[in-house]
């Protein structure tokens, strides 16, 4: 079964940039090989989202250490016979 792709809508937005922001946009466009600055803006947004996702992935990977430690402690206690089985159907 073929899936239909949602129609893409285009929106026009005007933006006011400082000289420094304009220079950054020009530098980004040059790095990407984009001559039309208007086309550089969506590319920049996509790049920022990609970088943000990448940062979240790194931060999430780092945050597992405390959880891993607690899981290891629980496993060690279980192997040492220091835990009890729980029957969720009894109160």
PDB file of N, CA and C in Angstrom:
ATOM      1  N   UNK A   1       0.845  -1.176   0.000  1.00  0.00           N
ATOM      2  CA  UNK A   1       0.000   0.000   0.000  1.00  0.00           C
ATOM      3  C   UNK A   1       0.890   1.239   0.000  1.00  0.00           C
ATOM      4  N   UNK A   2       0.631   2.141  -0.898  1.00  0.00           N
ATOM      5  CA  UNK A   2       1.425   3.362  -1.001  1.00  0.00           C
ATOM      6  C   UNK A   2       0.966   4.368   0.046  1.00  0.00           C
ATOM      7  N   UNK A   3       1.926   5.052   0.635  1.00  0.00           N
ATOM      8  CA  UNK A   3       1.585   6.085   1.613  1.00  0.00           C
ATOM      9  C   UNK A   3       1.642   7.436   0.924  1.00  0.00           C
ATOM     10  N   UNK A   4       0.740   8.305   1.286  1.00  0.00           N
ATOM     11  CA  UNK A   4       0.723   9.634   0.709  1.00  0.00           C
ATOM     12  C   UNK A   4       1.580  10.558   1.555  1.00  0.00           C
ATOM     13  N   UNK A   5       2.367  11.347   0.879  1.00  0.00           N
ATOM     14  CA  UNK A   5       3.200  12.323   1.565  1.00  0.00           C
ATOM     15  C   UNK A   5       2.382  13.595   1.753  1.00  0.00           C
ATOM     16  N   UNK A   6       2.465  14.159   2.941  1.00  0.00           N
ATOM     17  CA  UNK A   6       1.731  15.394   3.224  1.00  0.00           C
ATOM     18  C   UNK A   6       2.246  16.517   2.338  1.00  0.00           C
ATOM     19  N   UNK A   7       1.344  17.333   1.880  1.00  0.00           N
ATOM     20  CA  UNK A   7       1.718  18.455   1.030  1.00  0.00           C
ATOM     21  C   UNK A   7       2.585  19.429   1.822  1.00  0.00           C
ATOM     22  N   UNK A   8       3.622  19.909   1.186  1.00  0.00           N
ATOM     23  CA  UNK A   8       4.524  20.859   1.835  1.00  0.00           C
ATOM     24  C   UNK A   8       4.015  22.272   1.581  1.00  0.00           C
ATOM     25  N   UNK A   9       3.877  23.015   2.649  1.00  0.00           N
ATOM     26  CA  UNK A   9       3.448  24.405   2.525  1.00  0.00           C
ATOM     27  C   UNK A   9       4.656  25.294   2.759  1.00  0.00           C
ATOM     28  N   UNK A  10       4.692  26.403   2.096  1.00  0.00           N
ATOM     29  CA  UNK A  10       5.787  27.351   2.244  1.00  0.00           C
ATOM     30  C   UNK A  10       5.271  28.611   2.923  1.00  0.00           C
ATOM     31  N   UNK A  11       6.097  29.164   3.792  1.00  0.00           N
ATOM     32  CA  UNK A  11       5.723  30.364   4.534  1.00  0.00           C
ATOM     33  C   UNK A  11       6.798  31.417   4.325  1.00  0.00           C
ATOM     34  N   UNK A  12       6.374  32.635   4.196  1.00  0.00           N
ATOM     35  CA  UNK A  12       7.303  33.736   4.028  1.00  0.00           C
ATOM     36  C   UNK A  12       7.405  34.487   5.351  1.00  0.00           C
ATOM     37  N   UNK A  13       8.640  34.649   5.831  1.00  0.00           N
ATOM     38  CA  UNK A  13       8.885  35.343   7.088  1.00  0.00           C
ATOM     39  C   UNK A  13       9.937  36.416   6.844  1.00  0.00           C
ATOM     40  N   UNK A  14       9.675  37.596   7.335  1.00  0.00           N
ATOM     41  CA  UNK A  14      10.674  38.660   7.276  1.00  0.00           C
ATOM     42  C   UNK A  14      11.415  38.672   8.597  1.00  0.00           C
ATOM     43  N   UNK A  15      12.703  38.917   8.539  1.00  0.00           N
ATOM     44  CA  UNK A  15      13.490  38.918   9.755  1.00  0.00           C
ATOM     45  C   UNK A  15      14.445  40.106   9.727  1.00  0.00           C
ATOM     46  N   UNK A  16      14.675  40.677  10.887  1.00  0.00           N
ATOM     47  CA  UNK A  16      15.598  41.788  11.014  1.00  0.00           C
ATOM     48  C   UNK A  16      16.840  41.269  11.724  1.00  0.00           C
ATOM     49  N   UNK A  17      18.009  41.403  11.093  1.00  0.00           N
ATOM     50  CA  UNK A  17      19.254  40.902  11.653  1.00  0.00           C
ATOM     51  C   UNK A  17      20.191  42.046  11.992  1.00  0.00           C
ATOM     52  N   UNK A  18      20.944  41.856  13.059  1.00  0.00           N
ATOM     53  CA  UNK A  18      22.013  42.807  13.347  1.00  0.00           C
ATOM     54  C   UNK A  18      23.143  42.544  12.357  1.00  0.00           C
ATOM     55  N   UNK A  19      24.104  43.445  12.305  1.00  0.00           N
ATOM     56  CA  UNK A  19      25.250  43.238  11.418  1.00  0.00           C
ATOM     57  C   UNK A  19      25.979  41.943  11.770  1.00  0.00           C
ATOM     58  N   UNK A  20      26.131  41.674  13.066  1.00  0.00           N
ATOM     59  CA  UNK A  20      26.830  40.467  13.494  1.00  0.00           C
ATOM     60  C   UNK A  20      26.048  39.213  13.073  1.00  0.00           C
ATOM     61  N   UNK A  21      24.730  39.230  13.232  1.00  0.00           N
ATOM     62  CA  UNK A  21      23.915  38.088  12.827  1.00  0.00           C
ATOM     63  C   UNK A  21      23.973  37.878  11.316  1.00  0.00           C
ATOM     64  N   UNK A  22      23.942  38.971  10.573  1.00  0.00           N
ATOM     65  CA  UNK A  22      24.032  38.888   9.112  1.00  0.00           C
ATOM     66  C   UNK A  22      25.375  38.300   8.694  1.00  0.00           C
ATOM     67  N   UNK A  23      26.440  38.732   9.364  1.00  0.00           N
ATOM     68  CA  UNK A  23      27.775  38.193   9.069  1.00  0.00           C
ATOM     69  C   UNK A  23      27.831  36.695   9.357  1.00  0.00           C
ATOM     70  N   UNK A  24      27.219  36.267  10.455  1.00  0.00           N
ATOM     71  CA  UNK A  24      27.174  34.841  10.776  1.00  0.00           C
ATOM     72  C   UNK A  24      26.399  34.058   9.718  1.00  0.00           C
ATOM     73  N   UNK A  25      25.284  34.628   9.266  1.00  0.00           N
ATOM     74  CA  UNK A  25      24.491  33.973   8.230  1.00  0.00           C
ATOM     75  C   UNK A  25      25.286  33.871   6.925  1.00  0.00           C
ATOM     76  N   UNK A  26      25.987  34.931   6.572  1.00  0.00           N
ATOM     77  CA  UNK A  26      26.827  34.897   5.370  1.00  0.00           C
ATOM     78  C   UNK A  26      27.921  33.838   5.490  1.00  0.00           C
ATOM     79  N   UNK A  27      28.546  33.763   6.655  1.00  0.00           N
ATOM     80  CA  UNK A  27      29.614  32.775   6.867  1.00  0.00           C
ATOM     81  C   UNK A  27      29.046  31.359   6.782  1.00  0.00           C
ATOM     82  N   UNK A  28      27.888  31.135   7.378  1.00  0.00           N
ATOM     83  CA  UNK A  28      27.260  29.815   7.311  1.00  0.00           C
ATOM     84  C   UNK A  28      26.946  29.460   5.865  1.00  0.00           C
ATOM     85  N   UNK A  29      26.357  30.404   5.136  1.00  0.00           N
ATOM     86  CA  UNK A  29      26.006  30.151   3.737  1.00  0.00           C
ATOM     87  C   UNK A  29      27.251  29.818   2.922  1.00  0.00           C
ATOM     88  N   UNK A  30      28.328  30.543   3.165  1.00  0.00           N
ATOM     89  CA  UNK A  30      29.575  30.283   2.440  1.00  0.00           C
ATOM     90  C   UNK A  30      30.102  28.881   2.753  1.00  0.00           C
ATOM     91  N   UNK A  31      30.059  28.488   4.020  1.00  0.00           N
ATOM     92  CA  UNK A  31      30.508  27.141   4.416  1.00  0.00           C
ATOM     93  C   UNK A  31      29.691  26.058   3.733  1.00  0.00           C
ATOM     94  N   UNK A  32      28.403  26.310   3.562  1.00  0.00           N
ATOM     95  CA  UNK A  32      27.498  25.327   2.976  1.00  0.00           C
ATOM     96  C   UNK A  32      27.448  25.416   1.448  1.00  0.00           C
ATOM     97  N   UNK A  33      28.108  26.417   0.890  1.00  0.00           N
ATOM     98  CA  UNK A  33      28.078  26.603  -0.568  1.00  0.00           C
ATOM     99  C   UNK A  33      26.746  27.135  -1.062  1.00  0.00           C
ATOM    100  N   UNK A  34      26.082  27.908  -0.226  1.00  0.00           N
ATOM    101  CA  UNK A  34      24.770  28.472  -0.575  1.00  0.00           C
ATOM    102  C   UNK A  34      24.969  29.941  -0.944  1.00  0.00           C
ATOM    103  N   UNK A  35      24.555  30.291  -2.157  1.00  0.00           N
ATOM    104  CA  UNK A  35      24.737  31.676  -2.600  1.00  0.00           C
ATOM    105  C   UNK A  35      23.585  32.581  -2.186  1.00  0.00           C
ATOM    106  N   UNK A  36      22.372  32.050  -2.151  1.00  0.00           N
ATOM    107  CA  UNK A  36      21.190  32.838  -1.795  1.00  0.00           C
ATOM    108  C   UNK A  36      20.962  32.754  -0.290  1.00  0.00           C
ATOM    109  N   UNK A  37      21.128  33.874   0.404  1.00  0.00           N
ATOM    110  CA  UNK A  37      20.996  33.877   1.859  1.00  0.00           C
ATOM    111  C   UNK A  37      19.611  33.420   2.327  1.00  0.00           C
ATOM    112  N   UNK A  38      18.576  33.671   1.552  1.00  0.00           N
ATOM    113  CA  UNK A  38      17.236  33.225   1.932  1.00  0.00           C
ATOM    114  C   UNK A  38      17.182  31.703   1.996  1.00  0.00           C
ATOM    115  N   UNK A  39      17.936  31.026   1.158  1.00  0.00           N
ATOM    116  CA  UNK A  39      17.958  29.557   1.173  1.00  0.00           C
ATOM    117  C   UNK A  39      18.845  29.043   2.305  1.00  0.00           C
ATOM    118  N   UNK A  40      19.726  29.890   2.809  1.00  0.00           N
ATOM    119  CA  UNK A  40      20.615  29.477   3.896  1.00  0.00           C
ATOM    120  C   UNK A  40      19.863  29.378   5.220  1.00  0.00           C
ATOM    121  N   UNK A  41      18.832  30.175   5.391  1.00  0.00           N
ATOM    122  CA  UNK A  41      18.114  30.194   6.673  1.00  0.00           C
ATOM    123  C   UNK A  41      17.461  28.846   6.987  1.00  0.00           C
ATOM    124  N   UNK A  42      16.679  28.230   6.074  1.00  0.00           N
ATOM    125  CA  UNK A  42      16.121  26.907   6.398  1.00  0.00           C
ATOM    126  C   UNK A  42      17.209  25.862   6.631  1.00  0.00           C
ATOM    127  N   UNK A  43      18.287  25.939   5.856  1.00  0.00           N
ATOM    128  CA  UNK A  43      19.395  25.005   6.040  1.00  0.00           C
ATOM    129  C   UNK A  43      20.002  25.181   7.424  1.00  0.00           C
ATOM    130  N   UNK A  44      20.129  26.423   7.863  1.00  0.00           N
ATOM    131  CA  UNK A  44      20.682  26.701   9.185  1.00  0.00           C
ATOM    132  C   UNK A  44      19.756  26.165  10.279  1.00  0.00           C
ATOM    133  N   UNK A  45      18.469  26.325  10.096  1.00  0.00           N
ATOM    134  CA  UNK A  45      17.512  25.818  11.087  1.00  0.00           C
ATOM    135  C   UNK A  45      17.626  24.303  11.191  1.00  0.00           C
ATOM    136  N   UNK A  46      17.681  23.632  10.065  1.00  0.00           N
ATOM    137  CA  UNK A  46      17.814  22.171  10.080  1.00  0.00           C
ATOM    138  C   UNK A  46      19.123  21.742  10.744  1.00  0.00           C
ATOM    139  N   UNK A  47      20.184  22.474  10.491  1.00  0.00           N
ATOM    140  CA  UNK A  47      21.476  22.160  11.095  1.00  0.00           C
ATOM    141  C   UNK A  47      21.430  22.367  12.610  1.00  0.00           C
ATOM    142  N   UNK A  48      20.779  23.423  13.053  1.00  0.00           N
ATOM    143  CA  UNK A  48      20.653  23.673  14.487  1.00  0.00           C
ATOM    144  C   UNK A  48      19.835  22.576  15.171  1.00  0.00           C
ATOM    145  N   UNK A  49      18.773  22.128  14.527  1.00  0.00           N
ATOM    146  CA  UNK A  49      17.964  21.043  15.093  1.00  0.00           C
ATOM    147  C   UNK A  49      18.797  19.769  15.163  1.00  0.00           C
ATOM    148  N   UNK A  50      19.559  19.477  14.100  1.00  0.00           N
ATOM    149  CA  UNK A  50      20.404  18.283  14.089  1.00  0.00           C
ATOM    150  C   UNK A  50      21.430  18.334  15.221  1.00  0.00           C
ATOM    151  N   UNK A  51      22.064  19.487  15.389  1.00  0.00           N
ATOM    152  CA  UNK A  51      23.059  19.643  16.450  1.00  0.00           C
ATOM    153  C   UNK A  51      22.425  19.541  17.830  1.00  0.00           C
ATOM    154  N   UNK A  52      21.232  20.092  17.987  1.00  0.00           N
ATOM    155  CA  UNK A  52      20.522  20.006  19.261  1.00  0.00           C
ATOM    156  C   UNK A  52      20.184  18.550  19.580  1.00  0.00           C
ATOM    157  N   UNK A  53      19.712  17.807  18.580  1.00  0.00           N
ATOM    158  CA  UNK A  53      19.424  16.380  18.787  1.00  0.00           C
ATOM    159  C   UNK A  53      20.684  15.625  19.178  1.00  0.00           C
ATOM    160  N   UNK A  54      21.783  15.954  18.522  1.00  0.00           N
ATOM    161  CA  UNK A  54      23.060  15.305  18.820  1.00  0.00           C
ATOM    162  C   UNK A  54      23.493  15.603  20.259  1.00  0.00           C
ATOM    163  N   UNK A  55      23.322  16.844  20.689  1.00  0.00           N
ATOM    164  CA  UNK A  55      23.668  17.235  22.055  1.00  0.00           C
ATOM    165  C   UNK A  55      22.817  16.475  23.065  1.00  0.00           C
ATOM    166  N   UNK A  56      21.510  16.350  22.815  1.00  0.00           N
ATOM    167  CA  UNK A  56      20.631  15.600  23.704  1.00  0.00           C
ATOM    168  C   UNK A  56      21.076  14.146  23.787  1.00  0.00           C
ATOM    169  N   UNK A  57      21.456  13.565  22.645  1.00  0.00           N
ATOM    170  CA  UNK A  57      21.921  12.172  22.656  1.00  0.00           C
ATOM    171  C   UNK A  57      23.145  12.022  23.548  1.00  0.00           C
ATOM    172  N   UNK A  58      24.085  12.954  23.467  1.00  0.00           N
ATOM    173  CA  UNK A  58      25.303  12.897  24.285  1.00  0.00           C
ATOM    174  C   UNK A  58      24.946  13.066  25.761  1.00  0.00           C
ATOM    175  N   UNK A  59      24.107  14.042  26.060  1.00  0.00           N
ATOM    176  CA  UNK A  59      23.729  14.274  27.447  1.00  0.00           C
ATOM    177  C   UNK A  59      22.960  13.084  28.022  1.00  0.00           C
ATOM    178  N   UNK A  60      22.088  12.488  27.237  1.00  0.00           N
ATOM    179  CA  UNK A  60      21.335  11.332  27.714  1.00  0.00           C
ATOM    180  C   UNK A  60      22.271  10.155  27.968  1.00  0.00           C
ATOM    181  N   UNK A  61      23.221   9.943  27.078  1.00  0.00           N
ATOM    182  CA  UNK A  61      24.175   8.841  27.254  1.00  0.00           C
ATOM    183  C   UNK A  61      24.988   9.025  28.531  1.00  0.00           C
ATOM    184  N   UNK A  62      25.343  10.260  28.853  1.00  0.00           N
ATOM    185  CA  UNK A  62      26.106  10.538  30.077  1.00  0.00           C
ATOM    186  C   UNK A  62      25.255  10.354  31.326  1.00  0.00           C
ATOM    187  N   UNK A  63      23.952  10.568  31.207  1.00  0.00           N
ATOM    188  CA  UNK A  63      23.082  10.547  32.386  1.00  0.00           C
ATOM    189  C   UNK A  63      22.750   9.133  32.842  1.00  0.00           C
ATOM    190  N   UNK A  64      23.136   8.125  32.091  1.00  0.00           N
ATOM    191  CA  UNK A  64      22.790   6.766  32.478  1.00  0.00           C
ATOM    192  C   UNK A  64      23.717   6.200  33.550  1.00  0.00           C
ATOM    193  N   UNK A  65      24.847   6.831  33.803  1.00  0.00           N
ATOM    194  CA  UNK A  65      25.810   6.299  34.776  1.00  0.00           C
ATOM    195  C   UNK A  65      25.195   6.103  36.167  1.00  0.00           C
ATOM    196  N   UNK A  66      24.503   7.084  36.745  1.00  0.00           N
ATOM    197  CA  UNK A  66      23.907   6.852  38.072  1.00  0.00           C
ATOM    198  C   UNK A  66      22.859   5.735  38.050  1.00  0.00           C
ATOM    199  N   UNK A  67      22.075   5.667  37.000  1.00  0.00           N
ATOM    200  CA  UNK A  67      21.075   4.608  36.888  1.00  0.00           C
ATOM    201  C   UNK A  67      21.751   3.247  36.745  1.00  0.00           C
ATOM    202  N   UNK A  68      22.802   3.186  35.943  1.00  0.00           N
ATOM    203  CA  UNK A  68      23.556   1.937  35.800  1.00  0.00           C
ATOM    204  C   UNK A  68      24.121   1.482  37.146  1.00  0.00           C
ATOM    205  N   UNK A  69      24.610   2.434  37.938  1.00  0.00           N
ATOM    206  CA  UNK A  69      25.173   2.107  39.249  1.00  0.00           C
ATOM    207  C   UNK A  69      24.095   1.533  40.174  1.00  0.00           C
ATOM    208  N   UNK A  70      22.923   2.159  40.202  1.00  0.00           N
ATOM    209  CA  UNK A  70      21.833   1.669  41.051  1.00  0.00           C
ATOM    210  C   UNK A  70      21.368   0.291  40.583  1.00  0.00           C
ATOM    211  N   UNK A  71      21.312   0.069  39.286  1.00  0.00           N
ATOM    212  CA  UNK A  71      20.914  -1.237  38.760  1.00  0.00           C
ATOM    213  C   UNK A  71      21.919  -2.308  39.179  1.00  0.00           C
ATOM    214  N   UNK A  72      23.197  -1.979  39.132  1.00  0.00           N
ATOM    215  CA  UNK A  72      24.225  -2.935  39.537  1.00  0.00           C
ATOM    216  C   UNK A  72      24.122  -3.247  41.031  1.00  0.00           C
ATOM    217  N   UNK A  73      23.852  -2.212  41.842  1.00  0.00           N
ATOM    218  CA  UNK A  73      23.676  -2.430  43.281  1.00  0.00           C
ATOM    219  C   UNK A  73      22.496  -3.364  43.548  1.00  0.00           C
ATOM    220  N   UNK A  74      21.389  -3.138  42.838  1.00  0.00           N
ATOM    221  CA  UNK A  74      20.208  -3.991  43.020  1.00  0.00           C
ATOM    222  C   UNK A  74      20.507  -5.422  42.593  1.00  0.00           C
ATOM    223  N   UNK A  75      21.202  -5.587  41.496  1.00  0.00           N
ATOM    224  CA  UNK A  75      21.568  -6.929  41.037  1.00  0.00           C
ATOM    225  C   UNK A  75      22.493  -7.628  42.033  1.00  0.00           C
ATOM    226  N   UNK A  76      23.450  -6.879  42.560  1.00  0.00           N
ATOM    227  CA  UNK A  76      24.362  -7.447  43.564  1.00  0.00           C
ATOM    228  C   UNK A  76      23.591  -7.895  44.816  1.00  0.00           C
ATOM    229  N   UNK A  77      22.637  -7.068  45.267  1.00  0.00           N
ATOM    230  CA  UNK A  77      21.828  -7.424  46.432  1.00  0.00           C
ATOM    231  C   UNK A  77      20.985  -8.659  46.147  1.00  0.00           C
ATOM    232  N   UNK A  78      20.441  -8.749  44.954  1.00  0.00           N
ATOM    233  CA  UNK A  78      19.626  -9.910  44.589  1.00  0.00           C
ATOM    234  C   UNK A  78      20.480 -11.176  44.577  1.00  0.00           C
ATOM    235  N   UNK A  79      21.649 -11.092  43.995  1.00  0.00           N
ATOM    236  CA  UNK A  79      22.544 -12.262  43.934  1.00  0.00           C
ATOM    237  C   UNK A  79      23.029 -12.678  45.324  1.00  0.00           C
ATOM    238  N   UNK A  80      23.106 -11.714  46.226  1.00  0.00           N
ATOM    239  CA  UNK A  80      23.540 -12.019  47.599  1.00  0.00           C
ATOM    240  C   UNK A  80      22.386 -12.527  48.455  1.00  0.00           C
ATOM    241  N   UNK A  81      21.185 -12.624  47.883  1.00  0.00           N
ATOM    242  CA  UNK A  81      20.034 -13.122  48.631  1.00  0.00           C
ATOM    243  C   UNK A  81      19.440 -12.098  49.568  1.00  0.00           C
ATOM    244  N   UNK A  82      19.672 -10.837  49.342  1.00  0.00           N
ATOM    245  CA  UNK A  82      19.192  -9.784  50.236  1.00  0.00           C
ATOM    246  C   UNK A  82      17.865  -9.169  49.778  1.00  0.00           C
ATOM    247  N   UNK A  83      17.243  -9.772  48.780  1.00  0.00           N
ATOM    248  CA  UNK A  83      15.982  -9.225  48.275  1.00  0.00           C
ATOM    249  C   UNK A  83      14.863 -10.225  48.484  1.00  0.00           C
ATOM    250  N   UNK A  84      13.624  -9.760  48.391  1.00  0.00           N
ATOM    251  CA  UNK A  84      12.456 -10.614  48.519  1.00  0.00           C
ATOM    252  C   UNK A  84      11.625 -10.517  47.258  1.00  0.00           C
ATOM    253  N   UNK A  85      10.998 -11.636  46.871  1.00  0.00           N
ATOM    254  CA  UNK A  85      10.075 -11.604  45.744  1.00  0.00           C
ATOM    255  C   UNK A  85       8.812 -10.873  46.168  1.00  0.00           C
ATOM    256  N   UNK A  86       8.225 -10.160  45.262  1.00  0.00           N
ATOM    257  CA  UNK A  86       6.987  -9.423  45.540  1.00  0.00           C
ATOM    258  C   UNK A  86       5.895  -9.990  44.647  1.00  0.00           C
ATOM    259  N   UNK A  87       4.763 -10.272  45.239  1.00  0.00           N
ATOM    260  CA  UNK A  87       3.611 -10.728  44.479  1.00  0.00           C
ATOM    261  C   UNK A  87       2.701  -9.513  44.272  1.00  0.00           C
ATOM    262  N   UNK A  88       2.618  -9.023  43.037  1.00  0.00           N
ATOM    263  CA  UNK A  88       1.824  -7.805  42.803  1.00  0.00           C
ATOM    264  C   UNK A  88       0.332  -8.025  42.965  1.00  0.00           C
ATOM    265  N   UNK A  89      -0.090  -9.285  43.086  1.00  0.00           N
ATOM    266  CA  UNK A  89      -1.519  -9.573  43.184  1.00  0.00           C
ATOM    267  C   UNK A  89      -2.013  -9.717  44.622  1.00  0.00           C
ATOM    268  N   UNK A  90      -1.093  -9.572  45.578  1.00  0.00           N
ATOM    269  CA  UNK A  90      -1.501  -9.611  46.977  1.00  0.00           C
ATOM    270  C   UNK A  90      -1.237  -8.241  47.589  1.00  0.00           C
ATOM    271  N   UNK A  91      -2.055  -7.910  48.562  1.00  0.00           N
ATOM    272  CA  UNK A  91      -1.858  -6.603  49.184  1.00  0.00           C
ATOM    273  C   UNK A  91      -1.292  -6.692  50.555  1.00  0.00           C
TER     274      UNK A  91
END
